[in-house]
Amino acid sequence: MSFTQEQLEKRRGGIGASEIGAIAGLNPYSSALDVYMEKVGLKESFEGNERTEWGNTLEPVIAQKFFDRWGKAAGVKDMIEVETLYHPESDFFFATPDRLLMMEDGSLCGLEIKNVGQGAKKFWGQQGSDNIPEWYLTQVVWQMWITSLNYPEMAVNKWFVAALVTGNEFRVYEVEWNDDLIDKLSDLAMAFWKENVEKRLPPTETAPPEALKRYVSSVFQYHDEDFADTSDAFEGWIEALVALKGEREEISRQIGEIEATIKGYIGENLGVRGNFGTVTWKRSKDRAAVDYKSLIESALSSGKI
């Protein structure tokens, strides 16, 4: 589903279904820190690429194929498109289902549509199961939750996922309502919004290295002359950094002393042999150096280290 510029800007003010997997640490392509950066303006909202453009183009085709091939057997009475749905009390939670399904038994289900490329095929399991990528599973569960709050008079207990795999294989998956997962995701999202976004405290503790690099680059790109407020977590990071740098300096000092001692012992000789193996004192026109690689290899082969 594609969004207008106005919709993209509005989405910056809350958490959508496509972001909850990253916040939960389940999306290999995005993290909670990436979502945070977007919400506080350190990163531009993703506006799509050629892959998502093809996904949007194929969306109505895949939806119609689901309805024609699976609709009757699944008990679908009608399939409709809806605008973005918001949590009735916390309007910073929202979802935009690809389709809602009016069922013959009076219940309400939904349909998530995916165009799966060759590289992502390995993440998708047996058709008819709920074995889909975890970041899509959380997306679907989030949509079920938000939809149920908007239609409290109707039972929402299932969501279908129609996937066109590598352009020629059509699969349908079914995800059931899960109270425990919904509770966990809603609590996690609320904590993220209140403790990180609103307080402008980046969730860096569990962020992957690449996300941290993106965050640091963004901060230095957009920084101003103000000082950020400290926190208990930040104080801990500084203490740890100072301690580690102190250890590194001490280790470097000890290494230098031991190197000088070894070089002085070897003197004008070619090297020295012992239980550790052989250490040579390499000489060239401009420099002389201990062959530490040979020392380590000898120690490894002799079982010393």
Protein backbone atom coordinates (compact mmCIF):
# COMPACT_ATOMS: atom_id res chain seq x y z
CA MET A 1 0.00 0.00 0.00
CA SER A 2 1.39 3.41 -0.98
CA PHE A 3 1.03 6.61 1.08
CA THR A 4 0.78 10.28 0.17
CA GLN A 5 3.31 12.79 1.52
CA GLU A 6 0.70 13.98 4.02
CA GLN A 7 0.10 10.43 5.22
CA LEU A 8 3.84 9.80 5.56
CA GLU A 9 4.20 12.93 7.68
CA LYS A 10 1.29 11.88 9.88
CA ARG A 11 2.79 8.42 10.34
CA ARG A 12 5.85 10.05 11.90
CA GLY A 13 3.65 10.85 14.89
CA GLY A 14 2.98 7.26 15.91
CA ILE A 15 3.73 3.57 15.57
CA GLY A 16 2.32 1.60 12.67
CA ALA A 17 2.02 -2.11 12.01
CA SER A 18 5.07 -2.19 9.74
CA GLU A 19 7.27 -0.77 12.54
CA ILE A 20 6.35 -2.95 15.50
CA GLY A 21 8.59 -5.81 14.34
CA ALA A 22 11.62 -3.51 14.33
CA ILE A 23 10.75 -2.17 17.79
CA ALA A 24 10.50 -5.77 19.02
CA GLY A 25 13.94 -6.55 17.59
CA LEU A 26 12.59 -9.05 15.05
CA ASN A 27 13.25 -7.22 11.79
CA PRO A 28 16.70 -7.91 10.29
CA TYR A 29 16.44 -4.84 8.07
CA SER A 30 15.45 -2.28 10.71
CA SER A 31 15.74 -1.77 14.47
CA ALA A 32 14.07 0.15 17.28
CA LEU A 33 16.82 2.75 16.95
CA ASP A 34 16.00 3.20 13.25
CA VAL A 35 12.34 3.74 14.11
CA TYR A 36 13.31 6.19 16.85
CA MET A 37 15.47 8.19 14.42
CA GLU A 38 12.55 8.52 12.03
CA LYS A 39 10.11 9.61 14.74
CA VAL A 40 12.35 12.36 16.13
CA GLY A 41 13.38 13.67 12.71
CA LEU A 42 16.92 12.30 12.49
CA LYS A 43 16.02 10.17 9.49
CA GLU A 44 13.73 10.65 6.52
CA SER A 45 10.67 8.42 6.31
CA PHE A 46 11.01 5.56 3.86
CA GLU A 47 9.07 6.58 0.78
CA GLY A 48 9.55 3.37 -1.19
CA ASN A 49 11.76 2.02 -3.94
CA GLU A 50 11.37 -0.03 -7.09
CA ARG A 51 10.61 -3.18 -5.10
CA THR A 52 7.82 -1.51 -3.10
CA GLU A 53 6.54 0.12 -6.28
CA TRP A 54 6.10 -3.30 -7.85
CA GLY A 55 4.46 -4.49 -4.65
CA ASN A 56 1.92 -1.67 -4.84
CA THR A 57 1.28 -2.42 -8.52
CA LEU A 58 0.68 -6.09 -7.84
CA GLU A 59 -1.35 -5.58 -4.65
CA PRO A 60 -4.82 -5.44 -6.29
CA VAL A 61 -3.92 -8.40 -8.52
CA ILE A 62 -2.86 -10.54 -5.56
CA ALA A 63 -5.93 -9.45 -3.56
CA GLN A 64 -8.29 -10.40 -6.36
CA LYS A 65 -6.54 -13.74 -6.85
CA PHE A 66 -7.06 -14.48 -3.16
CA PHE A 67 -10.73 -13.57 -3.36
CA ASP A 68 -11.34 -15.59 -6.53
CA ARG A 69 -9.38 -18.67 -5.51
CA TRP A 70 -9.74 -18.75 -1.71
CA GLY A 71 -12.61 -16.45 -0.83
CA LYS A 72 -15.49 -18.90 -1.04
CA ALA A 73 -13.64 -21.76 0.65
CA ALA A 74 -12.50 -19.44 3.45
CA GLY A 75 -16.01 -18.06 3.97
CA VAL A 76 -15.33 -14.55 2.68
CA LYS A 77 -18.51 -12.60 1.88
CA ASP A 78 -16.94 -9.33 0.78
CA MET A 79 -13.52 -7.67 0.56
CA ILE A 80 -13.13 -3.94 1.20
CA GLU A 81 -10.38 -1.31 1.36
CA VAL A 82 -10.13 1.00 4.38
CA GLU A 83 -8.17 4.07 5.44
CA THR A 84 -5.69 4.07 8.31
CA LEU A 85 -7.23 2.89 11.59
CA TYR A 86 -6.17 4.42 14.93
CA HIS A 87 -6.24 3.18 18.49
CA PRO A 88 -9.33 4.83 20.03
CA GLU A 89 -7.45 5.96 23.14
CA SER A 90 -3.80 6.07 22.10
CA ASP A 91 -3.95 7.65 18.67
CA PHE A 92 -0.20 7.26 18.21
CA PHE A 93 -0.90 3.57 17.52
CA PHE A 94 -2.32 2.85 14.07
CA ALA A 95 -2.57 0.30 11.26
CA THR A 96 -3.48 0.35 7.58
CA PRO A 97 -4.77 -3.10 6.59
CA ASP A 98 -4.40 -3.99 2.90
CA ARG A 99 -7.96 -5.34 2.91
CA LEU A 100 -10.70 -6.16 5.41
CA LEU A 101 -12.76 -9.29 4.86
CA MET A 102 -16.43 -9.52 5.80
CA MET A 103 -17.04 -13.18 6.60
CA GLU A 104 -20.18 -15.25 6.07
CA ASP A 105 -20.42 -15.97 9.80
CA GLY A 106 -20.52 -12.24 10.62
CA SER A 107 -16.94 -12.00 11.85
CA LEU A 108 -14.27 -9.69 10.49
CA CYS A 109 -10.91 -10.82 9.16
CA GLY A 110 -8.15 -9.11 7.27
CA LEU A 111 -5.81 -9.69 4.37
CA GLU A 112 -2.13 -8.78 4.23
CA ILE A 113 -0.57 -8.89 0.77
CA LYS A 114 3.10 -9.62 0.11
CA ASN A 115 5.22 -9.84 -3.02
CA VAL A 116 8.08 -12.17 -2.04
CA GLY A 117 11.36 -12.13 -3.95
CA GLN A 118 13.80 -14.98 -4.42
CA GLY A 119 16.07 -13.88 -1.57
CA ALA A 120 13.21 -13.79 0.96
CA LYS A 121 11.59 -17.07 -0.06
CA LYS A 122 13.59 -19.00 2.57
CA PHE A 123 11.76 -17.14 5.36
CA TRP A 124 8.33 -18.42 4.28
CA GLY A 125 7.07 -21.81 5.43
CA GLN A 126 4.33 -24.22 4.47
CA GLN A 127 1.22 -22.76 2.89
CA GLY A 128 -1.79 -22.74 5.21
CA SER A 129 0.41 -22.34 8.30
CA ASP A 130 1.35 -19.18 10.19
CA ASN A 131 5.02 -19.76 9.38
CA ILE A 132 5.82 -16.35 7.94
CA PRO A 133 8.73 -14.01 8.78
CA GLU A 134 8.50 -12.83 12.39
CA TRP A 135 8.48 -9.15 11.44
CA TYR A 136 5.44 -9.79 9.22
CA LEU A 137 3.79 -11.91 11.89
CA THR A 138 3.97 -9.02 14.37
CA GLN A 139 2.69 -6.67 11.66
CA VAL A 140 -0.36 -8.86 11.11
CA VAL A 141 -1.05 -9.27 14.84
CA TRP A 142 -0.81 -5.50 15.30
CA GLN A 143 -3.32 -4.98 12.47
CA MET A 144 -5.71 -7.46 14.06
CA TRP A 145 -5.49 -5.64 17.38
CA ILE A 146 -6.05 -2.13 16.01
CA THR A 147 -8.87 -3.36 13.75
CA SER A 148 -10.65 -5.09 16.64
CA LEU A 149 -10.60 -1.83 18.63
CA ASN A 150 -12.19 0.02 15.72
CA TYR A 151 -14.90 -2.62 15.21
CA PRO A 152 -15.67 -3.82 18.75
CA GLU A 153 -19.05 -5.19 17.69
CA MET A 154 -17.40 -7.71 15.37
CA ALA A 155 -15.20 -10.65 16.26
CA VAL A 156 -11.70 -10.38 14.79
CA ASN A 157 -9.94 -13.70 15.26
CA LYS A 158 -7.97 -14.40 12.09
CA TRP A 159 -5.87 -12.71 9.42
CA PHE A 160 -4.93 -14.08 6.03
CA VAL A 161 -1.61 -13.41 4.30
CA ALA A 162 -1.60 -13.77 0.52
CA ALA A 163 1.93 -14.03 -0.87
CA LEU A 164 3.07 -14.11 -4.46
CA VAL A 165 6.39 -15.92 -4.16
CA THR A 166 9.06 -15.25 -6.82
CA GLY A 167 6.42 -14.07 -9.25
CA ASN A 168 4.85 -17.44 -10.01
CA GLU A 169 3.85 -19.21 -6.80
CA PHE A 170 0.72 -18.14 -4.92
CA ARG A 171 0.51 -19.02 -1.23
CA VAL A 172 -1.99 -18.21 1.51
CA TYR A 173 -1.15 -18.25 5.23
CA GLU A 174 -3.43 -17.91 8.26
CA VAL A 175 -2.57 -16.12 11.50
CA GLU A 176 -4.81 -16.61 14.52
CA TRP A 177 -5.55 -14.05 17.24
CA ASN A 178 -3.04 -14.26 20.10
CA ASP A 179 -3.82 -12.42 23.34
CA ASP A 180 -0.37 -12.95 24.85
CA LEU A 181 1.49 -11.62 21.82
CA ILE A 182 -0.83 -8.62 21.53
CA ASP A 183 -0.27 -7.74 25.19
CA LYS A 184 3.49 -7.99 24.80
CA LEU A 185 3.58 -5.89 21.62
CA SER A 186 1.28 -3.19 23.00
CA ASP A 187 3.31 -2.92 26.23
CA LEU A 188 6.56 -2.80 24.27
CA ALA A 189 5.25 -0.13 21.91
CA MET A 190 3.90 2.00 24.76
CA ALA A 191 7.22 1.87 26.60
CA PHE A 192 9.11 2.73 23.42
CA TRP A 193 6.88 5.72 22.69
CA LYS A 194 6.75 7.08 26.23
CA GLU A 195 10.29 6.36 27.39
CA ASN A 196 12.24 6.80 24.15
CA VAL A 197 10.39 8.95 21.63
CA GLU A 198 8.67 11.40 23.96
CA LYS A 199 11.73 11.74 26.22
CA ARG A 200 14.14 11.84 23.27
CA LEU A 201 16.22 8.99 24.70
CA PRO A 202 17.53 6.71 21.92
CA PRO A 203 17.15 2.95 22.53
CA THR A 204 20.82 2.21 21.96
CA GLU A 205 21.32 -0.60 24.50
CA THR A 206 20.24 -3.39 22.14
CA ALA A 207 20.76 -1.63 18.81
CA PRO A 208 22.82 -3.52 16.20
CA PRO A 209 26.15 -1.92 15.20
CA GLU A 210 24.94 -0.73 11.80
CA ALA A 211 21.97 1.05 13.38
CA LEU A 212 24.30 2.71 15.89
CA LYS A 213 26.49 3.96 13.04
CA ARG A 214 23.45 5.41 11.30
CA TYR A 215 22.37 7.08 14.53
CA VAL A 216 25.79 8.61 15.25
CA SER A 217 26.04 9.92 11.67
CA SER A 218 22.59 11.46 11.94
CA VAL A 219 23.28 13.12 15.29
CA PHE A 220 26.46 14.73 14.00
CA GLN A 221 24.71 15.77 10.82
CA TYR A 222 21.84 17.52 12.59
CA HIS A 223 23.38 18.56 15.93
CA ASP A 224 22.96 22.07 17.31
CA GLU A 225 24.75 24.04 20.01
CA ASP A 226 22.65 22.75 22.90
CA PHE A 227 23.75 20.10 25.37
CA ALA A 228 21.70 16.94 25.77
CA ASP A 229 20.44 15.99 29.24
CA THR A 230 22.28 13.15 30.89
CA SER A 231 20.71 9.98 32.29
CA ASP A 232 21.68 7.04 34.50
CA ALA A 233 22.26 4.93 31.39
CA PHE A 234 24.47 7.60 29.80
CA GLU A 235 26.52 8.00 32.99
CA GLY A 236 27.09 4.24 32.93
CA TRP A 237 28.28 4.34 29.31
CA ILE A 238 30.79 7.09 30.12
CA GLU A 239 32.14 5.21 33.16
CA ALA A 240 32.52 2.03 31.11
CA LEU A 241 34.26 3.91 28.28
CA VAL A 242 36.73 5.60 30.65
CA ALA A 243 37.50 2.27 32.35
CA LEU A 244 38.05 0.45 29.05
CA LYS A 245 40.31 3.20 27.71
CA GLY A 246 42.33 3.03 30.93
CA GLU A 247 42.69 -0.73 30.56
CA ARG A 248 43.73 -0.31 26.93
CA GLU A 249 46.45 2.19 27.87
CA GLU A 250 47.76 -0.08 30.60
CA ILE A 251 47.80 -3.10 28.27
CA SER A 252 49.61 -1.06 25.59
CA ARG A 253 52.21 -0.01 28.18
CA GLN A 254 52.78 -3.61 29.29
CA ILE A 255 53.07 -4.81 25.69
CA GLY A 256 55.70 -2.15 25.01
CA GLU A 257 57.74 -3.17 28.03
CA ILE A 258 57.64 -6.87 27.13
CA GLU A 259 58.55 -6.12 23.50
CA ALA A 260 61.58 -4.10 24.60
CA THR A 261 62.66 -6.87 26.98
CA ILE A 262 62.39 -9.54 24.25
CA LYS A 263 64.30 -7.42 21.75
CA GLY A 264 67.02 -6.68 24.30
CA TYR A 265 67.36 -10.37 25.16
CA ILE A 266 67.73 -11.44 21.51
CA GLY A 267 70.22 -8.66 20.85
CA GLU A 268 72.39 -9.31 17.78
CA ASN A 269 71.28 -12.93 17.49
CA LEU A 270 68.96 -14.28 14.81
CA GLY A 271 66.42 -15.34 17.38
CA VAL A 272 65.76 -17.65 20.31
CA ARG A 273 64.30 -21.15 20.73
CA GLY A 274 62.44 -22.54 23.71
CA ASN A 275 59.44 -24.56 24.86
CA PHE A 276 57.28 -21.90 23.24
CA GLY A 277 58.86 -22.54 19.84
CA THR A 278 61.08 -20.13 17.90
CA VAL A 279 61.15 -16.34 17.93
CA THR A 280 63.25 -14.57 15.30
CA TRP A 281 64.53 -11.00 15.33
CA LYS A 282 63.89 -9.93 11.73
CA ARG A 283 66.21 -7.31 10.33
CA SER A 284 65.95 -5.18 7.25
CA LYS A 285 67.78 -2.11 6.02
CA ASP A 286 65.45 0.29 7.75
CA ARG A 287 63.98 -1.60 10.66
CA ALA A 288 64.14 -4.57 12.94
CA ALA A 289 61.17 -6.40 14.44
CA VAL A 290 60.38 -9.54 16.40
CA ASP A 291 58.45 -12.12 14.36
CA TYR A 292 55.50 -12.27 16.74
CA LYS A 293 53.41 -14.18 14.20
CA SER A 294 55.84 -17.08 14.41
CA LEU A 295 55.83 -16.82 18.19
CA ILE A 296 52.03 -17.08 18.35
CA GLU A 297 51.89 -19.90 15.79
CA SER A 298 54.55 -21.85 17.67
CA ALA A 299 52.72 -21.36 20.97
CA LEU A 300 49.46 -22.51 19.40
CA SER A 301 51.01 -25.63 17.88
CA SER A 302 52.62 -26.54 21.19
CA GLY A 303 49.42 -26.06 23.13
CA LYS A 304 50.77 -23.19 25.22
CA ILE A 305 47.84 -20.97 24.25
